[in-house]
Amino acid sequence: MSKKERKETLEMAIWINLIIGIYNLFIFANMDSNFHLVLGSLNIGVWVFNRDKLSKFNMNWIGDKIRHKQK
């Protein structure tokens, strides 16, 4: 596995953690399950603390969208 493929795999895993975390918080809201609250919080925490590993292209694109809306 090349270095580029590893980076792409890591980026995908980080985004998947965010999606799964949001889904688990949705399940917590509907079922009132504390397990899903903890699991969702941990998944979103993985995204928060590792989002600096995402490529600069993705982060700049998101930043441009935010700046565009503020104008």
PDB file of N, CA and C in Angstrom:
ATOM      1  N   MET A   1       0.854  -1.171   0.000  1.00  0.00           N
ATOM      2  CA  MET A   1       0.000   0.000   0.000  1.00  0.00           C
ATOM      3  C   MET A   1       0.905   1.241   0.000  1.00  0.00           C
ATOM      4  N   SER A   2       0.672   2.110  -0.937  1.00  0.00           N
ATOM      5  CA  SER A   2       1.517   3.297  -1.045  1.00  0.00           C
ATOM      6  C   SER A   2       1.123   4.336   0.012  1.00  0.00           C
ATOM      7  N   LYS A   3       1.986   5.324   0.161  1.00  0.00           N
ATOM      8  CA  LYS A   3       1.747   6.370   1.158  1.00  0.00           C
ATOM      9  C   LYS A   3       0.474   7.156   0.825  1.00  0.00           C
ATOM     10  N   LYS A   4       0.234   7.387  -0.464  1.00  0.00           N
ATOM     11  CA  LYS A   4      -0.962   8.117  -0.889  1.00  0.00           C
ATOM     12  C   LYS A   4      -2.229   7.319  -0.560  1.00  0.00           C
ATOM     13  N   GLU A   5      -2.188   6.019  -0.809  1.00  0.00           N
ATOM     14  CA  GLU A   5      -3.351   5.175  -0.506  1.00  0.00           C
ATOM     15  C   GLU A   5      -3.625   5.130   0.995  1.00  0.00           C
ATOM     16  N   ARG A   6      -2.568   5.102   1.811  1.00  0.00           N
ATOM     17  CA  ARG A   6      -2.754   5.110   3.265  1.00  0.00           C
ATOM     18  C   ARG A   6      -3.411   6.405   3.719  1.00  0.00           C
ATOM     19  N   LYS A   7      -2.968   7.527   3.150  1.00  0.00           N
ATOM     20  CA  LYS A   7      -3.541   8.817   3.516  1.00  0.00           C
ATOM     21  C   LYS A   7      -5.017   8.880   3.125  1.00  0.00           C
ATOM     22  N   GLU A   8      -5.341   8.390   1.930  1.00  0.00           N
ATOM     23  CA  GLU A   8      -6.739   8.382   1.482  1.00  0.00           C
ATOM     24  C   GLU A   8      -7.588   7.488   2.377  1.00  0.00           C
ATOM     25  N   THR A   9      -7.052   6.352   2.781  1.00  0.00           N
ATOM     26  CA  THR A   9      -7.778   5.439   3.665  1.00  0.00           C
ATOM     27  C   THR A   9      -8.013   6.083   5.024  1.00  0.00           C
ATOM     28  N   LEU A  10      -7.001   6.754   5.560  1.00  0.00           N
ATOM     29  CA  LEU A  10      -7.142   7.439   6.840  1.00  0.00           C
ATOM     30  C   LEU A  10      -8.187   8.547   6.749  1.00  0.00           C
ATOM     31  N   GLU A  11      -8.151   9.331   5.670  1.00  0.00           N
ATOM     32  CA  GLU A  11      -9.150  10.388   5.489  1.00  0.00           C
ATOM     33  C   GLU A  11     -10.563   9.818   5.434  1.00  0.00           C
ATOM     34  N   MET A  12     -10.725   8.728   4.716  1.00  0.00           N
ATOM     35  CA  MET A  12     -12.039   8.106   4.607  1.00  0.00           C
ATOM     36  C   MET A  12     -12.506   7.602   5.967  1.00  0.00           C
ATOM     37  N   ALA A  13     -11.604   7.023   6.743  1.00  0.00           N
ATOM     38  CA  ALA A  13     -11.963   6.524   8.073  1.00  0.00           C
ATOM     39  C   ALA A  13     -12.388   7.671   8.989  1.00  0.00           C
ATOM     40  N   ILE A  14     -11.718   8.816   8.881  1.00  0.00           N
ATOM     41  CA  ILE A  14     -12.076   9.969   9.705  1.00  0.00           C
ATOM     42  C   ILE A  14     -13.477  10.464   9.350  1.00  0.00           C
ATOM     43  N   TRP A  15     -13.781  10.564   8.053  1.00  0.00           N
ATOM     44  CA  TRP A  15     -15.121  11.016   7.646  1.00  0.00           C
ATOM     45  C   TRP A  15     -16.194  10.003   8.029  1.00  0.00           C
ATOM     46  N   ILE A  16     -15.880   8.720   7.925  1.00  0.00           N
ATOM     47  CA  ILE A  16     -16.848   7.681   8.313  1.00  0.00           C
ATOM     48  C   ILE A  16     -17.147   7.773   9.805  1.00  0.00           C
ATOM     49  N   ASN A  17     -16.135   8.079  10.627  1.00  0.00           N
ATOM     50  CA  ASN A  17     -16.364   8.249  12.055  1.00  0.00           C
ATOM     51  C   ASN A  17     -17.329   9.388  12.330  1.00  0.00           C
ATOM     52  N   LEU A  18     -17.221  10.475  11.577  1.00  0.00           N
ATOM     53  CA  LEU A  18     -18.157  11.588  11.759  1.00  0.00           C
ATOM     54  C   LEU A  18     -19.578  11.161  11.403  1.00  0.00           C
ATOM     55  N   ILE A  19     -19.741  10.477  10.300  1.00  0.00           N
ATOM     56  CA  ILE A  19     -21.074  10.044   9.859  1.00  0.00           C
ATOM     57  C   ILE A  19     -21.682   9.064  10.864  1.00  0.00           C
ATOM     58  N   ILE A  20     -20.899   8.103  11.310  1.00  0.00           N
ATOM     59  CA  ILE A  20     -21.397   7.129  12.282  1.00  0.00           C
ATOM     60  C   ILE A  20     -21.726   7.814  13.606  1.00  0.00           C
ATOM     61  N   GLY A  21     -20.915   8.796  13.993  1.00  0.00           N
ATOM     62  CA  GLY A  21     -21.179   9.528  15.229  1.00  0.00           C
ATOM     63  C   GLY A  21     -22.491  10.283  15.180  1.00  0.00           C
ATOM     64  N   ILE A  22     -22.751  10.951  14.067  1.00  0.00           N
ATOM     65  CA  ILE A  22     -24.018  11.677  13.924  1.00  0.00           C
ATOM     66  C   ILE A  22     -25.187  10.700  13.942  1.00  0.00           C
ATOM     67  N   TYR A  23     -25.026   9.562  13.273  1.00  0.00           N
ATOM     68  CA  TYR A  23     -26.085   8.553  13.269  1.00  0.00           C
ATOM     69  C   TYR A  23     -26.349   8.027  14.685  1.00  0.00           C
ATOM     70  N   ASN A  24     -25.282   7.777  15.441  1.00  0.00           N
ATOM     71  CA  ASN A  24     -25.457   7.283  16.808  1.00  0.00           C
ATOM     72  C   ASN A  24     -26.139   8.321  17.695  1.00  0.00           C
ATOM     73  N   LEU A  25     -25.855   9.593  17.501  1.00  0.00           N
ATOM     74  CA  LEU A  25     -26.565  10.623  18.268  1.00  0.00           C
ATOM     75  C   LEU A  25     -28.035  10.678  17.882  1.00  0.00           C
ATOM     76  N   PHE A  26     -28.332  10.421  16.614  1.00  0.00           N
ATOM     77  CA  PHE A  26     -29.728  10.352  16.165  1.00  0.00           C
ATOM     78  C   PHE A  26     -30.438   9.180  16.861  1.00  0.00           C
ATOM     79  N   ILE A  27     -29.774   8.037  16.919  1.00  0.00           N
ATOM     80  CA  ILE A  27     -30.349   6.872  17.601  1.00  0.00           C
ATOM     81  C   ILE A  27     -30.550   7.181  19.084  1.00  0.00           C
ATOM     82  N   PHE A  28     -29.591   7.868  19.697  1.00  0.00           N
ATOM     83  CA  PHE A  28     -29.726   8.254  21.108  1.00  0.00           C
ATOM     84  C   PHE A  28     -30.968   9.118  21.312  1.00  0.00           C
ATOM     85  N   ALA A  29     -31.199  10.058  20.413  1.00  0.00           N
ATOM     86  CA  ALA A  29     -32.352  10.946  20.550  1.00  0.00           C
ATOM     87  C   ALA A  29     -33.670  10.185  20.411  1.00  0.00           C
ATOM     88  N   ASN A  30     -33.692   9.169  19.577  1.00  0.00           N
ATOM     89  CA  ASN A  30     -34.930   8.419  19.347  1.00  0.00           C
ATOM     90  C   ASN A  30     -35.170   7.305  20.374  1.00  0.00           C
ATOM     91  N   MET A  31     -34.107   6.644  20.815  1.00  0.00           N
ATOM     92  CA  MET A  31     -34.264   5.493  21.699  1.00  0.00           C
ATOM     93  C   MET A  31     -33.868   5.775  23.140  1.00  0.00           C
ATOM     94  N   ASP A  32     -33.290   6.934  23.399  1.00  0.00           N
ATOM     95  CA  ASP A  32     -32.822   7.300  24.732  1.00  0.00           C
ATOM     96  C   ASP A  32     -31.842   6.258  25.281  1.00  0.00           C
ATOM     97  N   SER A  33     -30.893   5.869  24.421  1.00  0.00           N
ATOM     98  CA  SER A  33     -29.903   4.855  24.774  1.00  0.00           C
ATOM     99  C   SER A  33     -28.578   5.537  25.108  1.00  0.00           C
ATOM    100  N   ASN A  34     -28.155   5.418  26.358  1.00  0.00           N
ATOM    101  CA  ASN A  34     -26.902   6.045  26.778  1.00  0.00           C
ATOM    102  C   ASN A  34     -25.692   5.454  26.050  1.00  0.00           C
ATOM    103  N   PHE A  35     -25.779   4.199  25.677  1.00  0.00           N
ATOM    104  CA  PHE A  35     -24.702   3.566  24.925  1.00  0.00           C
ATOM    105  C   PHE A  35     -24.452   4.312  23.620  1.00  0.00           C
ATOM    106  N   HIS A  36     -25.523   4.668  22.920  1.00  0.00           N
ATOM    107  CA  HIS A  36     -25.377   5.374  21.650  1.00  0.00           C
ATOM    108  C   HIS A  36     -24.873   6.798  21.851  1.00  0.00           C
ATOM    109  N   LEU A  37     -25.193   7.410  22.972  1.00  0.00           N
ATOM    110  CA  LEU A  37     -24.657   8.743  23.273  1.00  0.00           C
ATOM    111  C   LEU A  37     -23.140   8.676  23.432  1.00  0.00           C
ATOM    112  N   VAL A  38     -22.667   7.709  24.189  1.00  0.00           N
ATOM    113  CA  VAL A  38     -21.219   7.559  24.408  1.00  0.00           C
ATOM    114  C   VAL A  38     -20.528   7.197  23.101  1.00  0.00           C
ATOM    115  N   LEU A  39     -21.080   6.250  22.373  1.00  0.00           N
ATOM    116  CA  LEU A  39     -20.473   5.814  21.124  1.00  0.00           C
ATOM    117  C   LEU A  39     -20.440   6.947  20.097  1.00  0.00           C
ATOM    118  N   GLY A  40     -21.533   7.675  19.966  1.00  0.00           N
ATOM    119  CA  GLY A  40     -21.572   8.798  19.032  1.00  0.00           C
ATOM    120  C   GLY A  40     -20.599   9.897  19.417  1.00  0.00           C
ATOM    121  N   SER A  41     -20.493  10.175  20.699  1.00  0.00           N
ATOM    122  CA  SER A  41     -19.555  11.198  21.158  1.00  0.00           C
ATOM    123  C   SER A  41     -18.112  10.796  20.869  1.00  0.00           C
ATOM    124  N   LEU A  42     -17.797   9.529  21.067  1.00  0.00           N
ATOM    125  CA  LEU A  42     -16.444   9.052  20.766  1.00  0.00           C
ATOM    126  C   LEU A  42     -16.146   9.123  19.271  1.00  0.00           C
ATOM    127  N   ASN A  43     -17.114   8.751  18.443  1.00  0.00           N
ATOM    128  CA  ASN A  43     -16.904   8.816  17.000  1.00  0.00           C
ATOM    129  C   ASN A  43     -16.683  10.249  16.533  1.00  0.00           C
ATOM    130  N   ILE A  44     -17.477  11.166  17.028  1.00  0.00           N
ATOM    131  CA  ILE A  44     -17.305  12.564  16.643  1.00  0.00           C
ATOM    132  C   ILE A  44     -15.985  13.093  17.211  1.00  0.00           C
ATOM    133  N   GLY A  45     -15.600  12.636  18.398  1.00  0.00           N
ATOM    134  CA  GLY A  45     -14.313  13.030  18.974  1.00  0.00           C
ATOM    135  C   GLY A  45     -13.140  12.602  18.104  1.00  0.00           C
ATOM    136  N   VAL A  46     -13.227  11.433  17.497  1.00  0.00           N
ATOM    137  CA  VAL A  46     -12.175  10.986  16.578  1.00  0.00           C
ATOM    138  C   VAL A  46     -12.052  11.966  15.423  1.00  0.00           C
ATOM    139  N   TRP A  47     -13.171  12.406  14.875  1.00  0.00           N
ATOM    140  CA  TRP A  47     -13.137  13.370  13.777  1.00  0.00           C
ATOM    141  C   TRP A  47     -12.550  14.707  14.234  1.00  0.00           C
ATOM    142  N   VAL A  48     -12.976  15.181  15.398  1.00  0.00           N
ATOM    143  CA  VAL A  48     -12.518  16.483  15.886  1.00  0.00           C
ATOM    144  C   VAL A  48     -11.009  16.488  16.101  1.00  0.00           C
ATOM    145  N   PHE A  49     -10.486  15.461  16.750  1.00  0.00           N
ATOM    146  CA  PHE A  49      -9.074  15.463  17.094  1.00  0.00           C
ATOM    147  C   PHE A  49      -8.167  15.000  15.962  1.00  0.00           C
ATOM    148  N   ASN A  50      -8.724  14.482  14.885  1.00  0.00           N
ATOM    149  CA  ASN A  50      -7.900  14.035  13.760  1.00  0.00           C
ATOM    150  C   ASN A  50      -8.195  14.775  12.464  1.00  0.00           C
ATOM    151  N   ARG A  51      -9.020  15.787  12.491  1.00  0.00           N
ATOM    152  CA  ARG A  51      -9.346  16.483  11.246  1.00  0.00           C
ATOM    153  C   ARG A  51      -8.165  17.257  10.687  1.00  0.00           C
ATOM    154  N   ASP A  52      -7.120  17.501  11.503  1.00  0.00           N
ATOM    155  CA  ASP A  52      -5.920  18.147  10.976  1.00  0.00           C
ATOM    156  C   ASP A  52      -5.168  17.232  10.013  1.00  0.00           C
ATOM    157  N   LYS A  53      -5.472  15.944  10.028  1.00  0.00           N
ATOM    158  CA  LYS A  53      -4.837  15.000   9.114  1.00  0.00           C
ATOM    159  C   LYS A  53      -5.520  14.957   7.753  1.00  0.00           C
ATOM    160  N   LEU A  54      -6.652  15.642   7.620  1.00  0.00           N
ATOM    161  CA  LEU A  54      -7.330  15.702   6.326  1.00  0.00           C
ATOM    162  C   LEU A  54      -6.517  16.560   5.376  1.00  0.00           C
ATOM    163  N   SER A  55      -6.623  16.283   4.094  1.00  0.00           N
ATOM    164  CA  SER A  55      -5.848  17.050   3.123  1.00  0.00           C
ATOM    165  C   SER A  55      -6.290  18.510   3.130  1.00  0.00           C
ATOM    166  N   LYS A  56      -5.362  19.368   2.813  1.00  0.00           N
ATOM    167  CA  LYS A  56      -5.638  20.809   2.829  1.00  0.00           C
ATOM    168  C   LYS A  56      -6.691  21.172   1.792  1.00  0.00           C
ATOM    169  N   PHE A  57      -6.781  20.419   0.710  1.00  0.00           N
ATOM    170  CA  PHE A  57      -7.777  20.691  -0.319  1.00  0.00           C
ATOM    171  C   PHE A  57      -9.188  20.621   0.249  1.00  0.00           C
ATOM    172  N   ASN A  58      -9.471  19.586   1.018  1.00  0.00           N
ATOM    173  CA  ASN A  58     -10.802  19.431   1.595  1.00  0.00           C
ATOM    174  C   ASN A  58     -11.116  20.556   2.566  1.00  0.00           C
ATOM    175  N   MET A  59     -10.155  20.911   3.413  1.00  0.00           N
ATOM    176  CA  MET A  59     -10.389  21.938   4.412  1.00  0.00           C
ATOM    177  C   MET A  59     -10.532  23.311   3.761  1.00  0.00           C
ATOM    178  N   ASN A  60      -9.733  23.602   2.726  1.00  0.00           N
ATOM    179  CA  ASN A  60      -9.854  24.887   2.043  1.00  0.00           C
ATOM    180  C   ASN A  60     -11.189  24.996   1.331  1.00  0.00           C
ATOM    181  N   TRP A  61     -11.636  23.899   0.747  1.00  0.00           N
ATOM    182  CA  TRP A  61     -12.909  23.920   0.048  1.00  0.00           C
ATOM    183  C   TRP A  61     -14.044  24.226   1.022  1.00  0.00           C
ATOM    184  N   ILE A  62     -13.995  23.626   2.197  1.00  0.00           N
ATOM    185  CA  ILE A  62     -15.014  23.885   3.209  1.00  0.00           C
ATOM    186  C   ILE A  62     -14.919  25.327   3.672  1.00  0.00           C
ATOM    187  N   GLY A  63     -13.696  25.818   3.866  1.00  0.00           N
ATOM    188  CA  GLY A  63     -13.496  27.199   4.290  1.00  0.00           C
ATOM    189  C   GLY A  63     -13.997  28.192   3.256  1.00  0.00           C
ATOM    190  N   ASP A  64     -13.801  27.896   1.965  1.00  0.00           N
ATOM    191  CA  ASP A  64     -14.290  28.788   0.913  1.00  0.00           C
ATOM    192  C   ASP A  64     -15.808  28.867   0.931  1.00  0.00           C
ATOM    193  N   LYS A  65     -16.466  27.753   1.172  1.00  0.00           N
ATOM    194  CA  LYS A  65     -17.935  27.749   1.228  1.00  0.00           C
ATOM    195  C   LYS A  65     -18.417  28.605   2.395  1.00  0.00           C
ATOM    196  N   ILE A  66     -17.743  28.520   3.523  1.00  0.00           N
ATOM    197  CA  ILE A  66     -18.146  29.301   4.692  1.00  0.00           C
ATOM    198  C   ILE A  66     -17.921  30.779   4.436  1.00  0.00           C
ATOM    199  N   ARG A  67     -16.755  31.144   3.880  1.00  0.00           N
ATOM    200  CA  ARG A  67     -16.473  32.545   3.597  1.00  0.00           C
ATOM    201  C   ARG A  67     -17.429  33.095   2.554  1.00  0.00           C
ATOM    202  N   HIS A  68     -17.804  32.255   1.580  1.00  0.00           N
ATOM    203  CA  HIS A  68     -18.718  32.699   0.534  1.00  0.00           C
ATOM    204  C   HIS A  68     -20.097  33.037   1.127  1.00  0.00           C
ATOM    205  N   LYS A  69     -20.539  32.244   2.091  1.00  0.00           N
ATOM    206  CA  LYS A  69     -21.850  32.499   2.700  1.00  0.00           C
ATOM    207  C   LYS A  69     -21.842  33.747   3.551  1.00  0.00           C
ATOM    208  N   GLN A  70     -20.679  34.136   4.108  1.00  0.00           N
ATOM    209  CA  GLN A  70     -20.610  35.292   4.975  1.00  0.00           C
ATOM    210  C   GLN A  70     -20.642  36.595   4.189  1.00  0.00           C
ATOM    211  N   LYS A  71     -20.312  36.581   2.894  1.00  0.00           N
ATOM    212  CA  LYS A  71     -20.283  37.815   2.100  1.00  0.00           C
ATOM    213  C   LYS A  71     -21.651  38.393   1.873  1.00  0.00           C
TER     214      LYS A  71
END
